[in-house]
N, C-alpha and C. Protein backbone atom coordinates (compact mmCIF):
# COMPACT_ATOMS: atom_id res chain seq x y z
N MET A 1 86.55 3.90 107.72
CA MET A 1 86.67 5.34 107.63
C MET A 1 87.93 5.84 108.34
N GLU A 2 88.20 5.27 109.52
CA GLU A 2 89.37 5.72 110.28
C GLU A 2 90.67 5.36 109.57
N SER A 3 90.70 4.18 108.93
CA SER A 3 91.92 3.79 108.21
C SER A 3 92.17 4.73 107.02
N ARG A 4 91.12 5.17 106.40
CA ARG A 4 91.26 6.10 105.27
C ARG A 4 91.80 7.45 105.75
N LEU A 5 91.32 7.89 106.89
CA LEU A 5 91.81 9.14 107.47
C LEU A 5 93.29 9.02 107.85
N THR A 6 93.65 7.89 108.43
CA THR A 6 95.06 7.65 108.79
C THR A 6 95.93 7.63 107.53
N GLU A 7 95.45 7.00 106.49
CA GLU A 7 96.19 6.95 105.23
C GLU A 7 96.39 8.35 104.65
N LEU A 8 95.37 9.17 104.70
CA LEU A 8 95.47 10.55 104.21
C LEU A 8 96.46 11.36 105.06
N GLU A 9 96.44 11.16 106.36
CA GLU A 9 97.37 11.86 107.24
C GLU A 9 98.82 11.47 106.93
N ILE A 10 99.02 10.21 106.66
CA ILE A 10 100.36 9.73 106.30
C ILE A 10 100.81 10.36 104.99
N LYS A 11 99.91 10.41 104.01
CA LYS A 11 100.26 11.02 102.72
C LYS A 11 100.60 12.50 102.88
N VAL A 12 99.83 13.20 103.69
CA VAL A 12 100.10 14.62 103.91
C VAL A 12 101.44 14.81 104.60
N ALA A 13 101.75 13.96 105.57
CA ALA A 13 103.03 14.06 106.27
C ALA A 13 104.19 13.81 105.32
N LEU A 14 104.05 12.83 104.45
CA LEU A 14 105.10 12.54 103.47
C LEU A 14 105.26 13.70 102.49
N GLN A 15 104.14 14.28 102.07
CA GLN A 15 104.21 15.42 101.16
C GLN A 15 104.88 16.62 101.82
N ASP A 16 104.61 16.82 103.10
CA ASP A 16 105.27 17.91 103.83
C ASP A 16 106.78 17.70 103.87
N GLU A 17 107.21 16.48 104.11
CA GLU A 17 108.64 16.17 104.13
C GLU A 17 109.27 16.42 102.76
N GLN A 18 108.58 15.98 101.71
CA GLN A 18 109.08 16.18 100.37
C GLN A 18 109.14 17.67 100.02
N LEU A 19 108.14 18.41 100.42
CA LEU A 19 108.10 19.84 100.17
C LEU A 19 109.26 20.55 100.87
N ASP A 20 109.52 20.17 102.12
CA ASP A 20 110.65 20.75 102.85
C ASP A 20 111.97 20.43 102.15
N ALA A 21 112.12 19.20 101.68
CA ALA A 21 113.35 18.81 100.99
C ALA A 21 113.50 19.60 99.69
N LEU A 22 112.41 19.77 98.96
CA LEU A 22 112.47 20.54 97.71
C LEU A 22 112.78 22.00 97.98
N ASN A 23 112.20 22.57 99.02
CA ASN A 23 112.51 23.95 99.38
C ASN A 23 113.97 24.12 99.72
N LEU A 24 114.54 23.18 100.45
CA LEU A 24 115.95 23.23 100.79
C LEU A 24 116.81 23.16 99.52
N THR A 25 116.41 22.32 98.59
CA THR A 25 117.13 22.21 97.33
C THR A 25 117.09 23.52 96.56
N VAL A 26 115.94 24.14 96.51
CA VAL A 26 115.80 25.41 95.80
C VAL A 26 116.66 26.49 96.45
N VAL A 27 116.69 26.52 97.77
CA VAL A 27 117.51 27.51 98.48
C VAL A 27 118.98 27.30 98.16
N ARG A 28 119.43 26.07 98.17
CA ARG A 28 120.84 25.77 97.85
C ARG A 28 121.17 26.16 96.41
N GLN A 29 120.27 25.85 95.50
CA GLN A 29 120.51 26.20 94.11
C GLN A 29 120.57 27.71 93.93
N GLN A 30 119.72 28.44 94.62
CA GLN A 30 119.74 29.90 94.52
C GLN A 30 121.06 30.45 95.07
N GLN A 31 121.55 29.86 96.15
CA GLN A 31 122.84 30.28 96.70
C GLN A 31 123.96 30.03 95.68
N GLN A 32 123.91 28.88 95.02
CA GLN A 32 124.90 28.57 94.00
C GLN A 32 124.81 29.55 92.84
N LEU A 33 123.59 29.86 92.41
CA LEU A 33 123.41 30.82 91.32
C LEU A 33 123.95 32.20 91.72
N ASP A 34 123.67 32.61 92.94
CA ASP A 34 124.17 33.90 93.41
C ASP A 34 125.70 33.93 93.39
N LEU A 35 126.31 32.84 93.84
CA LEU A 35 127.77 32.76 93.84
C LEU A 35 128.32 32.80 92.42
N LEU A 36 127.71 32.06 91.52
CA LEU A 36 128.16 32.04 90.13
C LEU A 36 128.00 33.40 89.47
N GLN A 37 126.92 34.09 89.77
CA GLN A 37 126.73 35.43 89.21
C GLN A 37 127.78 36.40 89.73
N GLU A 38 128.13 36.29 90.99
CA GLU A 38 129.16 37.15 91.56
C GLU A 38 130.51 36.84 90.92
N GLN A 39 130.80 35.57 90.70
CA GLN A 39 132.05 35.19 90.04
C GLN A 39 132.09 35.72 88.61
N LEU A 40 130.97 35.65 87.90
CA LEU A 40 130.92 36.19 86.54
C LEU A 40 131.14 37.69 86.51
N ARG A 41 130.53 38.39 87.48
CA ARG A 41 130.75 39.84 87.56
C ARG A 41 132.22 40.15 87.81
N HIS A 42 132.85 39.37 88.68
CA HIS A 42 134.27 39.57 88.97
C HIS A 42 135.12 39.32 87.71
N LEU A 43 134.82 38.24 87.00
CA LEU A 43 135.56 37.94 85.78
C LEU A 43 135.35 39.03 84.72
N TYR A 44 134.13 39.54 84.64
CA TYR A 44 133.84 40.61 83.68
C TYR A 44 134.66 41.85 84.01
N ARG A 45 134.73 42.19 85.31
CA ARG A 45 135.54 43.35 85.71
C ARG A 45 137.00 43.13 85.39
N LEU A 46 137.51 41.92 85.62
CA LEU A 46 138.90 41.62 85.29
C LEU A 46 139.14 41.74 83.79
N GLN A 47 138.20 41.26 83.01
CA GLN A 47 138.32 41.34 81.55
C GLN A 47 138.32 42.80 81.11
N GLN A 48 137.42 43.60 81.69
CA GLN A 48 137.37 45.02 81.33
C GLN A 48 138.67 45.73 81.71
N ALA A 49 139.21 45.40 82.88
CA ALA A 49 140.47 46.01 83.30
C ALA A 49 141.60 45.59 82.36
N GLY A 50 141.60 44.35 81.93
CA GLY A 50 142.61 43.87 80.99
C GLY A 50 142.50 44.56 79.65
N ASN A 51 141.27 44.77 79.19
CA ASN A 51 141.06 45.45 77.92
C ASN A 51 141.52 46.90 78.00
N GLN A 52 141.27 47.54 79.14
CA GLN A 52 141.70 48.93 79.30
C GLN A 52 143.22 49.01 79.33
N GLN A 53 143.85 48.03 79.98
CA GLN A 53 145.31 48.04 80.03
C GLN A 53 145.89 47.80 78.64
N ASP A 54 145.26 46.93 77.86
CA ASP A 54 145.73 46.68 76.49
C ASP A 54 145.60 47.95 75.65
N GLU A 55 144.52 48.69 75.84
CA GLU A 55 144.31 49.92 75.08
C GLU A 55 145.33 50.98 75.47
N GLN A 56 145.73 51.00 76.73
CA GLN A 56 146.69 51.99 77.21
C GLN A 56 148.12 51.60 76.86
N GLY A 57 148.33 50.37 76.54
CA GLY A 57 149.67 49.89 76.23
C GLY A 57 150.32 49.33 77.47
N SER A 58 151.39 48.60 77.27
CA SER A 58 152.07 48.02 78.41
C SER A 58 153.14 48.99 78.92
N LEU A 59 153.70 48.68 80.08
CA LEU A 59 154.75 49.52 80.64
C LEU A 59 156.00 49.52 79.77
N ARG A 60 156.25 48.44 79.05
CA ARG A 60 157.44 48.37 78.19
C ARG A 60 157.35 49.38 77.04
N ASP A 61 156.11 49.74 76.66
CA ASP A 61 155.94 50.73 75.59
C ASP A 61 156.41 52.10 76.04
N ASP A 62 156.42 52.34 77.37
CA ASP A 62 156.81 53.65 77.90
C ASP A 62 158.34 53.78 78.07
N ILE A 63 159.05 52.68 77.99
CA ILE A 63 160.51 52.74 78.18
C ILE A 63 161.15 53.33 76.92
N PRO A 64 162.03 54.30 77.11
CA PRO A 64 162.73 54.87 75.95
C PRO A 64 163.54 53.81 75.23
N PRO A 65 163.82 53.98 73.96
CA PRO A 65 164.49 52.98 73.15
C PRO A 65 165.92 52.68 73.61
N HIS A 66 166.59 53.60 74.28
CA HIS A 66 167.98 53.34 74.68
C HIS A 66 168.10 52.45 75.89
N TYR A 67 167.03 51.99 76.49
CA TYR A 67 167.10 51.09 77.65
C TYR A 67 167.22 49.68 77.20
């Protein structure tokens, strides 16, 4: 009976270690996802700014023809 209890305690301890490792992995992945989402938002803003500049024309379009 005591050996069975010891075996169960060992299994629980190993499962706790695995659970902690998995939680750490999930936290790291969430941090990576957050970073990637922020980068995508930044790229989207850059794209929108580029599209607005294209719609407004370039600075060369404002130069009179005699230049």
